[in-house]
């Protein structure tokens, strides 16, 4: 990832920290649900769970701003925040494609793609929380 090397010193306000921690938890739980065959047992539950995550994301992540940030980290924070929003939009598209997939092989490919996106989003949250690998 091109932004990892220079983001190891981000110190965020507690409100931002809480939002990224909660997002990471939601994404991790959703990933566990999908990989435990949750989608096959209840496709409608998968959609509902993701709709809940999307609503939470819109209320808690998209509204975060630079106002409370140290000026030295604001541009770096904005870079990662932009990547989080972009990746979440792509994740939303992948979940939509999963909900329309009829063949098991296609469903597996979609779940794999979703898992990769979730892993990226989780890693961005870890960057924001100074917990990068």
N, C-alpha and C. Protein backbone atom coordinates (compact mmCIF):
# COMPACT_ATOMS: atom_id res chain seq x y z
N UNK A 1 0.84 -1.18 0.00
CA UNK A 1 0.00 0.00 0.00
C UNK A 1 0.88 1.24 0.00
N UNK A 2 0.55 2.16 -0.81
CA UNK A 2 1.40 3.32 -0.99
C UNK A 2 1.39 4.29 0.18
N UNK A 3 0.40 4.22 1.05
CA UNK A 3 0.30 5.19 2.13
C UNK A 3 0.81 4.67 3.47
N UNK A 4 1.13 3.41 3.56
CA UNK A 4 1.57 2.84 4.82
C UNK A 4 2.84 3.46 5.40
N UNK A 5 3.89 3.66 4.62
CA UNK A 5 5.16 4.07 5.22
C UNK A 5 5.12 5.36 6.03
N UNK A 6 4.33 6.32 5.66
CA UNK A 6 4.40 7.59 6.37
C UNK A 6 3.19 7.86 7.27
N UNK A 7 2.46 6.82 7.63
CA UNK A 7 1.30 7.02 8.50
C UNK A 7 1.47 6.41 9.88
N UNK A 8 2.67 6.06 10.22
CA UNK A 8 2.85 5.37 11.49
C UNK A 8 2.77 6.28 12.71
N UNK A 9 2.59 7.57 12.51
CA UNK A 9 2.56 8.46 13.67
C UNK A 9 1.24 9.23 13.80
N UNK A 10 0.18 8.77 13.16
CA UNK A 10 -1.11 9.45 13.29
C UNK A 10 -1.62 9.30 14.72
N UNK A 11 -1.98 10.42 15.31
CA UNK A 11 -2.60 10.42 16.62
C UNK A 11 -3.94 11.13 16.48
N UNK A 12 -4.99 10.36 16.60
CA UNK A 12 -6.32 10.89 16.36
C UNK A 12 -7.04 11.24 17.66
N UNK A 13 -8.01 12.16 17.58
CA UNK A 13 -8.84 12.44 18.75
C UNK A 13 -9.63 11.18 19.13
N UNK A 14 -10.09 11.12 20.36
CA UNK A 14 -10.80 9.92 20.83
C UNK A 14 -12.06 9.63 20.02
N UNK A 15 -12.75 10.65 19.53
CA UNK A 15 -13.95 10.43 18.72
C UNK A 15 -13.61 9.68 17.43
N UNK A 16 -12.52 10.07 16.80
CA UNK A 16 -12.07 9.38 15.58
C UNK A 16 -11.62 7.96 15.91
N UNK A 17 -10.84 7.84 16.98
CA UNK A 17 -10.36 6.52 17.39
C UNK A 17 -11.53 5.56 17.62
N UNK A 18 -12.54 6.01 18.33
CA UNK A 18 -13.72 5.18 18.63
C UNK A 18 -14.40 4.75 17.33
N UNK A 19 -14.55 5.68 16.40
CA UNK A 19 -15.22 5.36 15.14
C UNK A 19 -14.46 4.30 14.35
N UNK A 20 -13.14 4.42 14.26
CA UNK A 20 -12.36 3.44 13.51
C UNK A 20 -12.30 2.10 14.24
N UNK A 21 -12.28 2.13 15.57
CA UNK A 21 -12.30 0.88 16.33
C UNK A 21 -13.62 0.15 16.11
N UNK A 22 -14.72 0.89 16.17
CA UNK A 22 -16.03 0.29 15.96
C UNK A 22 -16.17 -0.23 14.53
N UNK A 23 -15.68 0.53 13.56
CA UNK A 23 -15.73 0.07 12.17
C UNK A 23 -14.94 -1.22 12.01
N UNK A 24 -13.77 -1.27 12.59
CA UNK A 24 -12.95 -2.47 12.48
C UNK A 24 -13.67 -3.67 13.09
N UNK A 25 -14.34 -3.47 14.21
CA UNK A 25 -15.10 -4.54 14.84
C UNK A 25 -16.25 -5.00 13.95
N UNK A 26 -17.00 -4.07 13.41
CA UNK A 26 -18.12 -4.41 12.52
C UNK A 26 -17.64 -5.19 11.29
N UNK A 27 -16.55 -4.74 10.70
CA UNK A 27 -16.03 -5.40 9.51
C UNK A 27 -15.50 -6.80 9.83
N UNK A 28 -14.84 -6.93 10.95
CA UNK A 28 -14.31 -8.23 11.37
C UNK A 28 -15.45 -9.22 11.63
N UNK A 29 -16.49 -8.76 12.29
CA UNK A 29 -17.64 -9.62 12.55
C UNK A 29 -18.34 -10.02 11.26
N UNK A 30 -18.47 -9.09 10.33
CA UNK A 30 -19.11 -9.38 9.05
C UNK A 30 -18.27 -10.39 8.26
N UNK A 31 -16.96 -10.22 8.29
CA UNK A 31 -16.08 -11.16 7.59
C UNK A 31 -16.21 -12.56 8.19
N UNK A 32 -16.25 -12.65 9.50
CA UNK A 32 -16.44 -13.95 10.16
C UNK A 32 -17.76 -14.58 9.77
N UNK A 33 -18.80 -13.78 9.74
CA UNK A 33 -20.13 -14.26 9.35
C UNK A 33 -20.10 -14.83 7.93
N UNK A 34 -19.49 -14.11 7.01
CA UNK A 34 -19.44 -14.57 5.62
C UNK A 34 -18.62 -15.84 5.46
N UNK A 35 -17.48 -15.89 6.11
CA UNK A 35 -16.59 -17.03 5.93
C UNK A 35 -17.08 -18.27 6.69
N UNK A 36 -18.05 -18.10 7.58
CA UNK A 36 -18.61 -19.25 8.29
C UNK A 36 -19.87 -19.76 7.60
N UNK A 37 -19.97 -19.51 6.31
CA UNK A 37 -21.12 -19.95 5.51
C UNK A 37 -22.42 -19.25 5.89
N UNK A 38 -22.30 -18.11 6.53
CA UNK A 38 -23.49 -17.35 6.92
C UNK A 38 -24.33 -16.94 5.74
N UNK A 39 -23.68 -16.62 4.64
CA UNK A 39 -24.42 -16.18 3.46
C UNK A 39 -25.33 -17.28 2.95
N UNK A 40 -24.83 -18.50 2.90
CA UNK A 40 -25.63 -19.61 2.37
C UNK A 40 -26.84 -19.90 3.25
N UNK A 41 -26.66 -19.81 4.54
CA UNK A 41 -27.77 -20.15 5.44
C UNK A 41 -28.84 -19.07 5.49
N UNK A 42 -28.45 -17.81 5.25
CA UNK A 42 -29.43 -16.71 5.35
C UNK A 42 -29.00 -15.52 4.50
N UNK A 43 -29.22 -15.61 3.17
CA UNK A 43 -28.83 -14.48 2.31
C UNK A 43 -29.49 -13.16 2.71
N UNK A 44 -30.74 -13.22 3.17
CA UNK A 44 -31.41 -11.98 3.56
C UNK A 44 -30.77 -11.38 4.82
N UNK A 45 -30.29 -12.24 5.71
CA UNK A 45 -29.60 -11.76 6.90
C UNK A 45 -28.29 -11.07 6.52
N UNK A 46 -27.61 -11.60 5.51
CA UNK A 46 -26.38 -10.99 5.03
C UNK A 46 -26.66 -9.57 4.54
N UNK A 47 -27.70 -9.43 3.74
CA UNK A 47 -28.07 -8.09 3.23
C UNK A 47 -28.42 -7.15 4.38
N UNK A 48 -29.20 -7.65 5.33
CA UNK A 48 -29.60 -6.80 6.46
C UNK A 48 -28.40 -6.40 7.30
N UNK A 49 -27.51 -7.34 7.54
CA UNK A 49 -26.31 -7.02 8.33
C UNK A 49 -25.48 -5.96 7.62
N UNK A 50 -25.32 -6.13 6.31
CA UNK A 50 -24.51 -5.15 5.59
C UNK A 50 -25.21 -3.81 5.49
N UNK A 51 -26.52 -3.81 5.37
CA UNK A 51 -27.26 -2.54 5.37
C UNK A 51 -27.05 -1.80 6.70
N UNK A 52 -27.02 -2.55 7.78
CA UNK A 52 -26.76 -1.94 9.08
C UNK A 52 -25.36 -1.35 9.15
N UNK A 53 -24.38 -2.07 8.62
CA UNK A 53 -23.01 -1.57 8.58
C UNK A 53 -22.93 -0.31 7.72
N UNK A 54 -23.62 -0.34 6.59
CA UNK A 54 -23.61 0.81 5.68
C UNK A 54 -24.20 2.04 6.36
N UNK A 55 -25.32 1.84 7.03
CA UNK A 55 -25.96 2.97 7.73
C UNK A 55 -25.02 3.52 8.81
N UNK A 56 -24.41 2.61 9.57
CA UNK A 56 -23.47 3.03 10.61
C UNK A 56 -22.29 3.78 9.98
N UNK A 57 -21.76 3.25 8.89
CA UNK A 57 -20.63 3.87 8.19
C UNK A 57 -20.97 5.30 7.77
N UNK A 58 -22.14 5.47 7.17
CA UNK A 58 -22.56 6.80 6.72
C UNK A 58 -22.72 7.78 7.87
N UNK A 59 -23.17 7.31 9.01
CA UNK A 59 -23.39 8.18 10.16
C UNK A 59 -22.12 8.47 10.95
N UNK A 60 -21.17 7.55 10.93
CA UNK A 60 -20.02 7.67 11.82
C UNK A 60 -18.67 7.87 11.14
N UNK A 61 -18.52 7.43 9.92
CA UNK A 61 -17.23 7.54 9.25
C UNK A 61 -17.24 8.65 8.20
N UNK A 62 -18.26 8.69 7.39
CA UNK A 62 -18.27 9.70 6.33
C UNK A 62 -18.38 11.12 6.89
N UNK A 63 -18.90 11.25 8.09
CA UNK A 63 -19.03 12.58 8.69
C UNK A 63 -17.79 13.04 9.45
N UNK A 64 -16.80 12.16 9.61
CA UNK A 64 -15.57 12.59 10.28
C UNK A 64 -14.89 13.67 9.45
N UNK A 65 -14.31 14.64 10.14
CA UNK A 65 -13.61 15.70 9.40
C UNK A 65 -12.28 16.02 10.08
N UNK A 66 -11.59 16.94 9.48
CA UNK A 66 -10.25 17.31 9.94
C UNK A 66 -10.26 18.35 11.05
N UNK A 67 -11.40 18.82 11.42
CA UNK A 67 -11.52 19.94 12.35
C UNK A 67 -10.75 19.71 13.65
N UNK A 68 -10.83 18.53 14.21
CA UNK A 68 -10.19 18.27 15.49
C UNK A 68 -8.78 17.69 15.37
N UNK A 69 -8.25 17.64 14.15
CA UNK A 69 -6.95 17.01 13.93
C UNK A 69 -5.81 18.02 14.00
N UNK A 70 -4.69 17.54 14.42
CA UNK A 70 -3.45 18.32 14.36
C UNK A 70 -3.16 18.61 12.89
N UNK A 71 -2.79 19.83 12.58
CA UNK A 71 -2.53 20.22 11.18
C UNK A 71 -1.44 19.38 10.53
N UNK A 72 -0.53 18.85 11.31
CA UNK A 72 0.57 18.06 10.77
C UNK A 72 0.09 16.72 10.23
N UNK A 73 -1.00 16.19 10.79
CA UNK A 73 -1.46 14.88 10.33
C UNK A 73 -2.68 14.93 9.43
N UNK A 74 -3.32 16.08 9.33
CA UNK A 74 -4.56 16.20 8.56
C UNK A 74 -4.44 15.69 7.12
N UNK A 75 -3.40 16.06 6.37
CA UNK A 75 -3.31 15.55 4.99
C UNK A 75 -3.15 14.04 4.93
N UNK A 76 -2.39 13.47 5.85
CA UNK A 76 -2.21 12.02 5.86
C UNK A 76 -3.50 11.32 6.25
N UNK A 77 -4.20 11.88 7.24
CA UNK A 77 -5.49 11.33 7.64
C UNK A 77 -6.45 11.36 6.46
N UNK A 78 -6.48 12.48 5.75
CA UNK A 78 -7.39 12.62 4.61
C UNK A 78 -7.11 11.58 3.54
N UNK A 79 -5.85 11.25 3.31
CA UNK A 79 -5.49 10.22 2.32
C UNK A 79 -6.08 8.87 2.69
N UNK A 80 -5.91 8.49 3.94
CA UNK A 80 -6.43 7.19 4.38
C UNK A 80 -7.96 7.22 4.41
N UNK A 81 -8.53 8.31 4.86
CA UNK A 81 -9.99 8.44 4.91
C UNK A 81 -10.58 8.30 3.51
N UNK A 82 -9.94 8.90 2.53
CA UNK A 82 -10.40 8.79 1.14
C UNK A 82 -10.34 7.34 0.68
N UNK A 83 -9.29 6.64 1.02
CA UNK A 83 -9.15 5.22 0.65
C UNK A 83 -10.23 4.38 1.33
N UNK A 84 -10.53 4.68 2.58
CA UNK A 84 -11.58 3.95 3.29
C UNK A 84 -12.92 4.13 2.59
N UNK A 85 -13.25 5.36 2.25
CA UNK A 85 -14.52 5.62 1.58
C UNK A 85 -14.58 4.94 0.21
N UNK A 86 -13.48 4.99 -0.53
CA UNK A 86 -13.43 4.37 -1.86
C UNK A 86 -13.59 2.86 -1.74
N UNK A 87 -12.87 2.26 -0.83
CA UNK A 87 -12.93 0.81 -0.65
C UNK A 87 -14.30 0.37 -0.16
N UNK A 88 -14.94 1.19 0.68
CA UNK A 88 -16.27 0.83 1.16
C UNK A 88 -17.29 0.86 0.03
N UNK A 89 -17.15 1.81 -0.89
CA UNK A 89 -18.05 1.84 -2.05
C UNK A 89 -17.87 0.58 -2.90
N UNK A 90 -16.64 0.16 -3.08
CA UNK A 90 -16.38 -1.06 -3.84
C UNK A 90 -16.93 -2.28 -3.11
N UNK A 91 -16.81 -2.29 -1.79
CA UNK A 91 -17.36 -3.38 -0.99
C UNK A 91 -18.88 -3.43 -1.16
N UNK A 92 -19.52 -2.29 -1.15
CA UNK A 92 -20.97 -2.22 -1.32
C UNK A 92 -21.37 -2.84 -2.65
N UNK A 93 -20.62 -2.55 -3.69
CA UNK A 93 -20.89 -3.13 -5.01
C UNK A 93 -20.71 -4.65 -4.98
N UNK A 94 -19.65 -5.11 -4.34
CA UNK A 94 -19.41 -6.55 -4.25
C UNK A 94 -20.53 -7.26 -3.49
N UNK A 95 -21.01 -6.67 -2.41
CA UNK A 95 -22.11 -7.27 -1.65
C UNK A 95 -23.38 -7.31 -2.49
N UNK A 96 -23.62 -6.27 -3.28
CA UNK A 96 -24.76 -6.26 -4.19
C UNK A 96 -24.64 -7.39 -5.21
N UNK A 97 -23.46 -7.56 -5.78
CA UNK A 97 -23.24 -8.65 -6.74
C UNK A 97 -23.43 -10.01 -6.08
N UNK A 98 -22.99 -10.14 -4.84
CA UNK A 98 -23.18 -11.40 -4.12
C UNK A 98 -24.66 -11.71 -3.97
N UNK A 99 -25.44 -10.70 -3.66
CA UNK A 99 -26.88 -10.93 -3.44
C UNK A 99 -27.60 -11.35 -4.73
N UNK A 100 -27.00 -11.06 -5.88
CA UNK A 100 -27.63 -11.46 -7.15
C UNK A 100 -27.03 -12.73 -7.73
N UNK A 101 -25.97 -13.24 -7.13
CA UNK A 101 -25.30 -14.43 -7.65
C UNK A 101 -26.17 -15.66 -7.40
N UNK A 102 -26.35 -16.46 -8.44
CA UNK A 102 -27.17 -17.67 -8.33
C UNK A 102 -26.33 -18.93 -8.20
N UNK A 103 -25.25 -18.99 -8.93
CA UNK A 103 -24.40 -20.18 -8.94
C UNK A 103 -23.46 -20.17 -7.74
N UNK A 104 -23.23 -21.35 -7.18
CA UNK A 104 -22.36 -21.46 -6.01
C UNK A 104 -20.94 -20.99 -6.31
N UNK A 105 -20.43 -21.31 -7.49
CA UNK A 105 -19.08 -20.89 -7.87
C UNK A 105 -18.97 -19.36 -7.90
N UNK A 106 -19.99 -18.71 -8.42
CA UNK A 106 -20.01 -17.25 -8.46
C UNK A 106 -20.10 -16.68 -7.05
N UNK A 107 -20.90 -17.30 -6.21
CA UNK A 107 -21.02 -16.85 -4.82
C UNK A 107 -19.68 -16.94 -4.11
N UNK A 108 -18.97 -18.03 -4.33
CA UNK A 108 -17.65 -18.22 -3.70
C UNK A 108 -16.68 -17.14 -4.17
N UNK A 109 -16.70 -16.83 -5.47
CA UNK A 109 -15.82 -15.77 -5.99
C UNK A 109 -16.17 -14.43 -5.37
N UNK A 110 -17.45 -14.16 -5.25
CA UNK A 110 -17.89 -12.89 -4.65
C UNK A 110 -17.47 -12.80 -3.18
N UNK A 111 -17.64 -13.88 -2.45
CA UNK A 111 -17.25 -13.88 -1.04
C UNK A 111 -15.75 -13.69 -0.91
N UNK A 112 -14.98 -14.31 -1.81
CA UNK A 112 -13.53 -14.10 -1.80
C UNK A 112 -13.18 -12.64 -2.04
N UNK A 113 -13.85 -12.04 -3.01
CA UNK A 113 -13.61 -10.62 -3.32
C UNK A 113 -14.00 -9.73 -2.14
N UNK A 114 -15.11 -10.04 -1.51
CA UNK A 114 -15.56 -9.28 -0.34
C UNK A 114 -14.56 -9.43 0.79
N UNK A 115 -14.04 -10.63 0.99
CA UNK A 115 -13.07 -10.87 2.06
C UNK A 115 -11.80 -10.05 1.86
N UNK A 116 -11.36 -9.93 0.60
CA UNK A 116 -10.18 -9.11 0.30
C UNK A 116 -10.46 -7.64 0.62
N UNK A 117 -11.62 -7.16 0.23
CA UNK A 117 -11.98 -5.76 0.51
C UNK A 117 -12.10 -5.51 2.02
N UNK A 118 -12.69 -6.47 2.72
CA UNK A 118 -12.81 -6.32 4.17
C UNK A 118 -11.43 -6.28 4.82
N UNK A 119 -10.53 -7.12 4.34
CA UNK A 119 -9.16 -7.12 4.89
C UNK A 119 -8.48 -5.78 4.65
N UNK A 120 -8.68 -5.19 3.47
CA UNK A 120 -8.10 -3.87 3.19
C UNK A 120 -8.68 -2.82 4.13
N UNK A 121 -9.99 -2.84 4.29
CA UNK A 121 -10.63 -1.86 5.16
C UNK A 121 -10.16 -2.02 6.61
N UNK A 122 -10.04 -3.24 7.05
CA UNK A 122 -9.55 -3.49 8.41
C UNK A 122 -8.12 -2.98 8.56
N UNK A 123 -7.30 -3.17 7.53
CA UNK A 123 -5.92 -2.67 7.61
C UNK A 123 -5.88 -1.14 7.63
N UNK A 124 -6.78 -0.49 6.92
CA UNK A 124 -6.85 0.97 6.99
C UNK A 124 -7.26 1.43 8.39
N UNK A 125 -8.20 0.71 9.00
CA UNK A 125 -8.58 1.04 10.38
C UNK A 125 -7.39 0.87 11.31
N UNK A 126 -6.61 -0.19 11.10
CA UNK A 126 -5.44 -0.41 11.93
C UNK A 126 -4.43 0.71 11.76
N UNK A 127 -4.30 1.21 10.55
CA UNK A 127 -3.40 2.36 10.32
C UNK A 127 -3.87 3.55 11.13
N UNK A 128 -5.16 3.82 11.07
CA UNK A 128 -5.70 4.96 11.79
C UNK A 128 -5.55 4.80 13.30
N UNK A 129 -5.58 3.56 13.75
CA UNK A 129 -5.47 3.29 15.19
C UNK A 129 -4.05 3.00 15.63
N UNK A 130 -3.08 3.18 14.71
CA UNK A 130 -1.67 2.89 15.00
C UNK A 130 -1.44 1.44 15.37
N UNK A 131 -2.20 0.56 14.72
CA UNK A 131 -2.04 -0.88 14.97
C UNK A 131 -1.66 -1.59 13.69
N UNK A 132 -0.96 -0.92 12.83
CA UNK A 132 -0.59 -1.54 11.55
C UNK A 132 0.36 -2.69 11.79
N UNK A 133 0.29 -3.63 10.86
CA UNK A 133 1.10 -4.86 10.99
C UNK A 133 2.56 -4.57 10.90
